[in-house]
Amino acid sequence: MSATEIGDEHGPAHELFFGDEPFFLNIGHMDLSREKATELKRRLWAVLEDFETENTPGSPEYTVALMLVRGAVN
């Protein structure tokens, strides 16, 4: 089995994932009922809307990507 790591010629990018930079990457799975999945979707939208209203012109831009799908992504 092989794994892919993000890094450079100096090794894995541990500082990027575990340091102070506001960077987050997670790919995983949850076993949720349809009701719980709908609640998760609603809450994620609410968080995005909250932060969108706090938009600060002149600040660094961040890209946010979310995916919630039924079934496994392999």
PDB file of N, CA and C in Angstrom:
ATOM      1  N   MET A   1       0.847  -1.178   0.000  1.00  0.00           N
ATOM      2  CA  MET A   1       0.000   0.000   0.000  1.00  0.00           C
ATOM      3  C   MET A   1       0.889   1.237   0.000  1.00  0.00           C
ATOM      4  N   SER A   2       0.519   2.233  -0.785  1.00  0.00           N
ATOM      5  CA  SER A   2       1.288   3.472  -0.797  1.00  0.00           C
ATOM      6  C   SER A   2       0.423   4.618  -0.326  1.00  0.00           C
ATOM      7  N   ALA A   3       1.071   5.658   0.129  1.00  0.00           N
ATOM      8  CA  ALA A   3       0.368   6.846   0.600  1.00  0.00           C
ATOM      9  C   ALA A   3       0.978   8.069  -0.051  1.00  0.00           C
ATOM     10  N   THR A   4       0.200   9.092  -0.207  1.00  0.00           N
ATOM     11  CA  THR A   4       0.680  10.351  -0.760  1.00  0.00           C
ATOM     12  C   THR A   4       0.761  11.372   0.363  1.00  0.00           C
ATOM     13  N   GLU A   5       1.874  12.083   0.436  1.00  0.00           N
ATOM     14  CA  GLU A   5       2.050  13.124   1.436  1.00  0.00           C
ATOM     15  C   GLU A   5       2.320  14.448   0.740  1.00  0.00           C
ATOM     16  N   ILE A   6       1.838  15.520   1.321  1.00  0.00           N
ATOM     17  CA  ILE A   6       2.130  16.852   0.819  1.00  0.00           C
ATOM     18  C   ILE A   6       3.406  17.324   1.490  1.00  0.00           C
ATOM     19  N   GLY A   7       4.309  17.857   0.697  1.00  0.00           N
ATOM     20  CA  GLY A   7       5.564  18.354   1.237  1.00  0.00           C
ATOM     21  C   GLY A   7       6.439  18.904   0.138  1.00  0.00           C
ATOM     22  N   ASP A   8       7.716  19.012   0.449  1.00  0.00           N
ATOM     23  CA  ASP A   8       8.683  19.494  -0.522  1.00  0.00           C
ATOM     24  C   ASP A   8       9.983  18.725  -0.346  1.00  0.00           C
ATOM     25  N   GLU A   9      11.066  19.279  -0.902  1.00  0.00           N
ATOM     26  CA  GLU A   9      12.345  18.579  -0.825  1.00  0.00           C
ATOM     27  C   GLU A   9      12.856  18.422   0.600  1.00  0.00           C
ATOM     28  N   HIS A  10      12.252  19.138   1.545  1.00  0.00           N
ATOM     29  CA  HIS A  10      12.669  19.050   2.951  1.00  0.00           C
ATOM     30  C   HIS A  10      11.846  18.044   3.744  1.00  0.00           C
ATOM     31  N   GLY A  11      10.856  17.424   3.104  1.00  0.00           N
ATOM     32  CA  GLY A  11      10.055  16.427   3.783  1.00  0.00           C
ATOM     33  C   GLY A  11       8.583  16.798   3.839  1.00  0.00           C
ATOM     34  N   PRO A  12       7.816  16.060   4.641  1.00  0.00           N
ATOM     35  CA  PRO A  12       6.372  16.299   4.756  1.00  0.00           C
ATOM     36  C   PRO A  12       6.069  17.697   5.296  1.00  0.00           C
ATOM     37  N   ALA A  13       4.929  18.210   4.926  1.00  0.00           N
ATOM     38  CA  ALA A  13       4.543  19.570   5.309  1.00  0.00           C
ATOM     39  C   ALA A  13       3.834  19.585   6.661  1.00  0.00           C
ATOM     40  N   HIS A  14       4.509  19.075   7.679  1.00  0.00           N
ATOM     41  CA  HIS A  14       3.911  19.025   9.009  1.00  0.00           C
ATOM     42  C   HIS A  14       3.534  20.409   9.518  1.00  0.00           C
ATOM     43  N   GLU A  15       4.381  21.411   9.262  1.00  0.00           N
ATOM     44  CA  GLU A  15       4.108  22.765   9.742  1.00  0.00           C
ATOM     45  C   GLU A  15       2.830  23.324   9.116  1.00  0.00           C
ATOM     46  N   LEU A  16       2.573  22.979   7.853  1.00  0.00           N
ATOM     47  CA  LEU A  16       1.353  23.440   7.180  1.00  0.00           C
ATOM     48  C   LEU A  16       0.118  22.869   7.863  1.00  0.00           C
ATOM     49  N   PHE A  17       0.144  21.580   8.183  1.00  0.00           N
ATOM     50  CA  PHE A  17      -1.019  20.935   8.787  1.00  0.00           C
ATOM     51  C   PHE A  17      -1.156  21.204  10.280  1.00  0.00           C
ATOM     52  N   PHE A  18      -0.041  21.260  10.988  1.00  0.00           N
ATOM     53  CA  PHE A  18      -0.093  21.327  12.448  1.00  0.00           C
ATOM     54  C   PHE A  18       0.416  22.638  13.023  1.00  0.00           C
ATOM     55  N   GLY A  19       0.876  23.554  12.176  1.00  0.00           N
ATOM     56  CA  GLY A  19       1.397  24.842  12.626  1.00  0.00           C
ATOM     57  C   GLY A  19       0.287  25.864  12.788  1.00  0.00           C
ATOM     58  N   ASP A  20       0.663  27.121  12.753  1.00  0.00           N
ATOM     59  CA  ASP A  20      -0.268  28.223  12.995  1.00  0.00           C
ATOM     60  C   ASP A  20      -1.035  28.670  11.757  1.00  0.00           C
ATOM     61  N   GLU A  21      -0.642  28.210  10.579  1.00  0.00           N
ATOM     62  CA  GLU A  21      -1.334  28.610   9.354  1.00  0.00           C
ATOM     63  C   GLU A  21      -2.779  28.101   9.378  1.00  0.00           C
ATOM     64  N   PRO A  22      -3.769  28.959   9.063  1.00  0.00           N
ATOM     65  CA  PRO A  22      -5.167  28.498   9.055  1.00  0.00           C
ATOM     66  C   PRO A  22      -5.465  27.635   7.830  1.00  0.00           C
ATOM     67  N   PHE A  23      -4.978  26.423   7.866  1.00  0.00           N
ATOM     68  CA  PHE A  23      -5.141  25.451   6.789  1.00  0.00           C
ATOM     69  C   PHE A  23      -5.754  24.191   7.381  1.00  0.00           C
ATOM     70  N   PHE A  24      -6.715  23.622   6.681  1.00  0.00           N
ATOM     71  CA  PHE A  24      -7.387  22.420   7.185  1.00  0.00           C
ATOM     72  C   PHE A  24      -7.734  21.541   6.001  1.00  0.00           C
ATOM     73  N   LEU A  25      -7.413  20.281   6.103  1.00  0.00           N
ATOM     74  CA  LEU A  25      -7.762  19.315   5.074  1.00  0.00           C
ATOM     75  C   LEU A  25      -8.155  18.024   5.767  1.00  0.00           C
ATOM     76  N   ASN A  26      -9.349  17.558   5.473  1.00  0.00           N
ATOM     77  CA  ASN A  26      -9.801  16.310   6.063  1.00  0.00           C
ATOM     78  C   ASN A  26     -10.688  15.590   5.058  1.00  0.00           C
ATOM     79  N   ILE A  27     -10.384  14.360   4.813  1.00  0.00           N
ATOM     80  CA  ILE A  27     -11.241  13.513   3.995  1.00  0.00           C
ATOM     81  C   ILE A  27     -11.537  12.288   4.841  1.00  0.00           C
ATOM     82  N   GLY A  28     -12.779  12.099   5.185  1.00  0.00           N
ATOM     83  CA  GLY A  28     -13.150  10.997   6.042  1.00  0.00           C
ATOM     84  C   GLY A  28     -14.577  10.579   5.770  1.00  0.00           C
ATOM     85  N   HIS A  29     -15.138   9.837   6.678  1.00  0.00           N
ATOM     86  CA  HIS A  29     -16.530   9.420   6.509  1.00  0.00           C
ATOM     87  C   HIS A  29     -17.234   9.405   7.855  1.00  0.00           C
ATOM     88  N   MET A  30     -18.542   9.520   7.793  1.00  0.00           N
ATOM     89  CA  MET A  30     -19.403   9.439   8.965  1.00  0.00           C
ATOM     90  C   MET A  30     -20.581   8.558   8.599  1.00  0.00           C
ATOM     91  N   ASP A  31     -21.063   7.813   9.543  1.00  0.00           N
ATOM     92  CA  ASP A  31     -22.290   7.045   9.356  1.00  0.00           C
ATOM     93  C   ASP A  31     -23.416   7.854   9.991  1.00  0.00           C
ATOM     94  N   LEU A  32     -24.239   8.484   9.141  1.00  0.00           N
ATOM     95  CA  LEU A  32     -25.284   9.380   9.621  1.00  0.00           C
ATOM     96  C   LEU A  32     -26.634   8.982   9.054  1.00  0.00           C
ATOM     97  N   SER A  33     -27.666   9.167   9.839  1.00  0.00           N
ATOM     98  CA  SER A  33     -29.025   9.014   9.319  1.00  0.00           C
ATOM     99  C   SER A  33     -29.279  10.173   8.355  1.00  0.00           C
ATOM    100  N   ARG A  34     -30.299  10.060   7.537  1.00  0.00           N
ATOM    101  CA  ARG A  34     -30.646  11.144   6.623  1.00  0.00           C
ATOM    102  C   ARG A  34     -30.931  12.427   7.407  1.00  0.00           C
ATOM    103  N   GLU A  35     -31.595  12.293   8.545  1.00  0.00           N
ATOM    104  CA  GLU A  35     -31.912  13.463   9.360  1.00  0.00           C
ATOM    105  C   GLU A  35     -30.649  14.149   9.879  1.00  0.00           C
ATOM    106  N   LYS A  36     -29.698  13.359  10.351  1.00  0.00           N
ATOM    107  CA  LYS A  36     -28.447  13.928  10.867  1.00  0.00           C
ATOM    108  C   LYS A  36     -27.635  14.551   9.733  1.00  0.00           C
ATOM    109  N   ALA A  37     -27.617  13.923   8.566  1.00  0.00           N
ATOM    110  CA  ALA A  37     -26.894  14.482   7.420  1.00  0.00           C
ATOM    111  C   ALA A  37     -27.515  15.811   7.002  1.00  0.00           C
ATOM    112  N   THR A  38     -28.826  15.904   7.040  1.00  0.00           N
ATOM    113  CA  THR A  38     -29.514  17.153   6.718  1.00  0.00           C
ATOM    114  C   THR A  38     -29.179  18.227   7.748  1.00  0.00           C
ATOM    115  N   GLU A  39     -29.114  17.856   9.018  1.00  0.00           N
ATOM    116  CA  GLU A  39     -28.732  18.790  10.076  1.00  0.00           C
ATOM    117  C   GLU A  39     -27.294  19.271   9.890  1.00  0.00           C
ATOM    118  N   LEU A  40     -26.390  18.364   9.535  1.00  0.00           N
ATOM    119  CA  LEU A  40     -25.002  18.738   9.285  1.00  0.00           C
ATOM    120  C   LEU A  40     -24.938  19.745   8.140  1.00  0.00           C
ATOM    121  N   LYS A  41     -25.640  19.477   7.067  1.00  0.00           N
ATOM    122  CA  LYS A  41     -25.672  20.392   5.923  1.00  0.00           C
ATOM    123  C   LYS A  41     -26.176  21.771   6.355  1.00  0.00           C
ATOM    124  N   ARG A  42     -27.247  21.828   7.115  1.00  0.00           N
ATOM    125  CA  ARG A  42     -27.817  23.090   7.567  1.00  0.00           C
ATOM    126  C   ARG A  42     -26.813  23.863   8.423  1.00  0.00           C
ATOM    127  N   ARG A  43     -26.140  23.160   9.321  1.00  0.00           N
ATOM    128  CA  ARG A  43     -25.184  23.814  10.215  1.00  0.00           C
ATOM    129  C   ARG A  43     -23.950  24.310   9.476  1.00  0.00           C
ATOM    130  N   LEU A  44     -23.487  23.548   8.499  1.00  0.00           N
ATOM    131  CA  LEU A  44     -22.342  23.994   7.698  1.00  0.00           C
ATOM    132  C   LEU A  44     -22.688  25.262   6.919  1.00  0.00           C
ATOM    133  N   TRP A  45     -23.888  25.303   6.325  1.00  0.00           N
ATOM    134  CA  TRP A  45     -24.335  26.505   5.625  1.00  0.00           C
ATOM    135  C   TRP A  45     -24.368  27.695   6.575  1.00  0.00           C
ATOM    136  N   ALA A  46     -24.852  27.481   7.784  1.00  0.00           N
ATOM    137  CA  ALA A  46     -24.939  28.565   8.763  1.00  0.00           C
ATOM    138  C   ALA A  46     -23.548  29.112   9.107  1.00  0.00           C
ATOM    139  N   VAL A  47     -22.582  28.236   9.277  1.00  0.00           N
ATOM    140  CA  VAL A  47     -21.213  28.676   9.576  1.00  0.00           C
ATOM    141  C   VAL A  47     -20.661  29.486   8.407  1.00  0.00           C
ATOM    142  N   LEU A  48     -20.844  28.991   7.191  1.00  0.00           N
ATOM    143  CA  LEU A  48     -20.358  29.721   6.023  1.00  0.00           C
ATOM    144  C   LEU A  48     -21.012  31.092   5.916  1.00  0.00           C
ATOM    145  N   GLU A  49     -22.301  31.164   6.150  1.00  0.00           N
ATOM    146  CA  GLU A  49     -23.005  32.446   6.092  1.00  0.00           C
ATOM    147  C   GLU A  49     -22.515  33.405   7.171  1.00  0.00           C
ATOM    148  N   ASP A  50     -22.264  32.902   8.382  1.00  0.00           N
ATOM    149  CA  ASP A  50     -21.743  33.740   9.464  1.00  0.00           C
ATOM    150  C   ASP A  50     -20.415  34.378   9.072  1.00  0.00           C
ATOM    151  N   PHE A  51     -19.507  33.585   8.537  1.00  0.00           N
ATOM    152  CA  PHE A  51     -18.192  34.112   8.188  1.00  0.00           C
ATOM    153  C   PHE A  51     -18.239  34.979   6.937  1.00  0.00           C
ATOM    154  N   GLU A  52     -19.167  34.707   6.044  1.00  0.00           N
ATOM    155  CA  GLU A  52     -19.303  35.532   4.852  1.00  0.00           C
ATOM    156  C   GLU A  52     -19.696  36.960   5.225  1.00  0.00           C
ATOM    157  N   THR A  53     -20.522  37.113   6.250  1.00  0.00           N
ATOM    158  CA  THR A  53     -20.936  38.452   6.678  1.00  0.00           C
ATOM    159  C   THR A  53     -19.797  39.193   7.377  1.00  0.00           C
ATOM    160  N   GLU A  54     -18.776  38.466   7.827  1.00  0.00           N
ATOM    161  CA  GLU A  54     -17.621  39.081   8.477  1.00  0.00           C
ATOM    162  C   GLU A  54     -16.484  39.325   7.497  1.00  0.00           C
ATOM    163  N   ASN A  55     -16.781  39.346   6.217  1.00  0.00           N
ATOM    164  CA  ASN A  55     -15.795  39.572   5.173  1.00  0.00           C
ATOM    165  C   ASN A  55     -15.014  40.845   5.476  1.00  0.00           C
ATOM    166  N   THR A  56     -13.674  40.775   5.433  1.00  0.00           N
ATOM    167  CA  THR A  56     -12.819  41.906   5.744  1.00  0.00           C
ATOM    168  C   THR A  56     -12.020  42.290   4.502  1.00  0.00           C
ATOM    169  N   PRO A  57     -12.437  43.349   3.787  1.00  0.00           N
ATOM    170  CA  PRO A  57     -11.697  43.775   2.597  1.00  0.00           C
ATOM    171  C   PRO A  57     -10.228  44.023   2.918  1.00  0.00           C
ATOM    172  N   GLY A  58      -9.358  43.617   2.010  1.00  0.00           N
ATOM    173  CA  GLY A  58      -7.925  43.798   2.200  1.00  0.00           C
ATOM    174  C   GLY A  58      -7.251  42.648   2.927  1.00  0.00           C
ATOM    175  N   SER A  59      -8.034  41.734   3.481  1.00  0.00           N
ATOM    176  CA  SER A  59      -7.464  40.564   4.164  1.00  0.00           C
ATOM    177  C   SER A  59      -7.160  39.478   3.141  1.00  0.00           C
ATOM    178  N   PRO A  60      -6.320  38.524   3.504  1.00  0.00           N
ATOM    179  CA  PRO A  60      -6.039  37.419   2.584  1.00  0.00           C
ATOM    180  C   PRO A  60      -7.319  36.664   2.223  1.00  0.00           C
ATOM    181  N   GLU A  61      -7.356  36.171   0.994  1.00  0.00           N
ATOM    182  CA  GLU A  61      -8.495  35.384   0.530  1.00  0.00           C
ATOM    183  C   GLU A  61      -8.249  33.904   0.842  1.00  0.00           C
ATOM    184  N   TYR A  62      -9.281  33.219   1.280  1.00  0.00           N
ATOM    185  CA  TYR A  62      -9.214  31.786   1.544  1.00  0.00           C
ATOM    186  C   TYR A  62     -10.250  31.079   0.684  1.00  0.00           C
ATOM    187  N   THR A  63      -9.913  29.901   0.229  1.00  0.00           N
ATOM    188  CA  THR A  63     -10.847  29.071  -0.521  1.00  0.00           C
ATOM    189  C   THR A  63     -11.412  28.025   0.418  1.00  0.00           C
ATOM    190  N   VAL A  64     -12.724  27.854   0.380  1.00  0.00           N
ATOM    191  CA  VAL A  64     -13.402  26.864   1.204  1.00  0.00           C
ATOM    192  C   VAL A  64     -14.081  25.878   0.271  1.00  0.00           C
ATOM    193  N   ALA A  65     -13.844  24.602   0.488  1.00  0.00           N
ATOM    194  CA  ALA A  65     -14.489  23.564  -0.320  1.00  0.00           C
ATOM    195  C   ALA A  65     -15.087  22.530   0.623  1.00  0.00           C
ATOM    196  N   LEU A  66     -16.360  22.264   0.461  1.00  0.00           N
ATOM    197  CA  LEU A  66     -17.047  21.265   1.269  1.00  0.00           C
ATOM    198  C   LEU A  66     -17.754  20.288   0.335  1.00  0.00           C
ATOM    199  N   MET A  67     -17.771  19.043   0.723  1.00  0.00           N
ATOM    200  CA  MET A  67     -18.495  18.043  -0.052  1.00  0.00           C
ATOM    201  C   MET A  67     -19.153  17.078   0.930  1.00  0.00           C
ATOM    202  N   LEU A  68     -20.436  16.948   0.819  1.00  0.00           N
ATOM    203  CA  LEU A  68     -21.175  15.979   1.621  1.00  0.00           C
ATOM    204  C   LEU A  68     -21.974  15.134   0.644  1.00  0.00           C
ATOM    205  N   VAL A  69     -21.615  13.884   0.492  1.00  0.00           N
ATOM    206  CA  VAL A  69     -22.274  12.990  -0.453  1.00  0.00           C
ATOM    207  C   VAL A  69     -22.619  11.688   0.240  1.00  0.00           C
ATOM    208  N   ARG A  70     -23.673  11.065  -0.217  1.00  0.00           N
ATOM    209  CA  ARG A  70     -24.049   9.746   0.296  1.00  0.00           C
ATOM    210  C   ARG A  70     -23.203   8.714  -0.415  1.00  0.00           C
ATOM    211  N   GLY A  71     -22.626   7.827   0.330  1.00  0.00           N
ATOM    212  CA  GLY A  71     -21.774   6.782  -0.244  1.00  0.00           C
ATOM    213  C   GLY A  71     -20.307   7.084  -0.014  1.00  0.00           C
ATOM    214  N   ALA A  72     -19.493   6.110  -0.279  1.00  0.00           N
ATOM    215  CA  ALA A  72     -18.052   6.237  -0.037  1.00  0.00           C
ATOM    216  C   ALA A  72     -17.363   6.900  -1.221  1.00  0.00           C
ATOM    217  N   VAL A  73     -16.354   7.706  -0.925  1.00  0.00           N
ATOM    218  CA  VAL A  73     -15.475   8.261  -1.934  1.00  0.00           C
ATOM    219  C   VAL A  73     -14.145   7.564  -1.755  1.00  0.00           C
ATOM    220  N   ASN A  74     -13.815   6.690  -2.686  1.00  0.00           N
ATOM    221  CA  ASN A  74     -12.583   5.899  -2.542  1.00  0.00           C
ATOM    222  C   ASN A  74     -11.512   6.369  -3.492  1.00  0.00           C
TER     223      ASN A  74
END
